[in-house]
Protein backbone atom coordinates (compact mmCIF):
# COMPACT_ATOMS: atom_id res chain seq x y z
CA MET A 1 2.47 26.85 -4.39
CA PHE A 2 5.36 24.96 -3.69
CA GLY A 3 6.00 23.21 -0.42
CA ALA A 4 2.25 23.76 0.57
CA LYS A 5 0.98 20.94 2.35
CA ARG A 6 -1.54 18.77 0.30
CA SER A 7 -5.07 17.57 1.76
CA LYS A 8 -5.44 14.33 2.10
CA HIS A 9 -7.76 12.67 -0.46
CA THR A 10 -10.63 11.04 1.30
CA TYR A 11 -12.67 8.08 -0.67
CA ASP A 12 -15.75 6.14 0.06
CA ARG A 13 -15.05 2.84 -0.07
CA ASN A 14 -19.10 2.10 -0.52
CA LYS A 15 -18.57 4.62 -3.55
CA GLN A 16 -14.96 4.14 -5.08
CA LYS A 17 -12.41 1.31 -5.66
CA PRO A 18 -8.97 2.12 -5.35
CA ALA A 19 -7.50 1.47 -9.16
CA ILE A 20 -4.37 1.70 -10.90
CA ARG A 21 -4.44 4.08 -14.35
CA ALA A 22 -2.47 2.87 -16.80
CA SER A 23 -0.91 4.28 -19.98
CA ILE A 24 -0.52 1.42 -22.81
CA CYS A 25 2.02 4.21 -25.23
CA THR A 26 4.32 5.43 -21.89
CA GLY A 27 3.72 3.25 -19.37
CA GLU A 28 3.00 5.97 -16.71
CA LYS A 29 0.96 4.88 -13.31
CA VAL A 30 -1.09 6.62 -11.93
CA ALA A 31 -2.63 5.46 -8.79
CA GLY A 32 -6.48 6.87 -7.64
CA PHE A 33 -9.95 6.17 -7.13
CA ALA A 34 -12.55 4.98 -9.73
CA ASP A 35 -16.25 5.16 -9.06
CA ILE A 36 -18.06 2.31 -9.14
CA HIS A 37 -21.19 3.31 -10.92
CA GLY A 38 -19.76 5.64 -13.21
CA GLY A 39 -15.97 4.93 -14.09
CA LEU A 40 -15.24 8.75 -13.08
CA PHE A 41 -11.34 7.84 -12.29
CA GLU A 42 -9.44 10.42 -9.76
CA GLU A 43 -5.91 10.30 -9.73
CA VAL A 44 -4.12 10.98 -6.36
CA MET A 45 -0.43 10.05 -7.26
CA LEU A 46 1.80 8.63 -9.51
CA ILE A 47 3.35 5.70 -9.45
CA ARG A 48 7.13 5.62 -10.39
CA THR A 49 8.40 2.89 -8.32
CA PRO A 50 7.21 0.05 -6.34
CA GLY A 51 8.18 1.80 -3.14
CA ASP A 52 5.09 4.54 -4.30
CA LEU A 53 2.46 1.82 -4.41
CA GLU A 54 2.98 0.46 -1.20
CA ARG A 55 2.93 4.43 0.23
CA PHE A 56 -0.35 4.72 -1.68
CA ARG A 57 -1.67 1.23 -0.24
CA LYS A 58 -0.88 2.93 3.72
CA GLU A 59 -1.62 6.25 3.19
CA TYR A 60 -5.58 4.98 2.48
CA ASP A 61 -5.08 1.49 3.93
CA ILE A 62 -5.60 -0.32 1.04
CA THR A 63 -5.56 -4.10 1.49
CA CYS A 64 -7.42 -5.12 -1.72
CA GLU A 65 -6.11 -6.01 -4.66
CA ILE A 66 -5.97 -2.99 -6.85
CA GLU A 67 -7.25 -2.86 -10.12
CA THR A 68 -5.26 -1.84 -13.71
CA ILE A 69 -7.05 0.29 -15.56
CA TYR A 70 -5.37 0.56 -19.39
């Protein structure tokens, strides 16, 4: 429902890695977590500005380089 607080996604650093999925056609970017073994991608948030990417990094305590998947 509108205004409802979303639950924070947690990820297992041993099984998932942070990634950005980007569309070649539209340029849309979505931040999330990719499974290391199977490659399954879980979307977490839409990235519209560099500030959104910084918020994603801070919220999930990500200090490493984030891979971009096309």
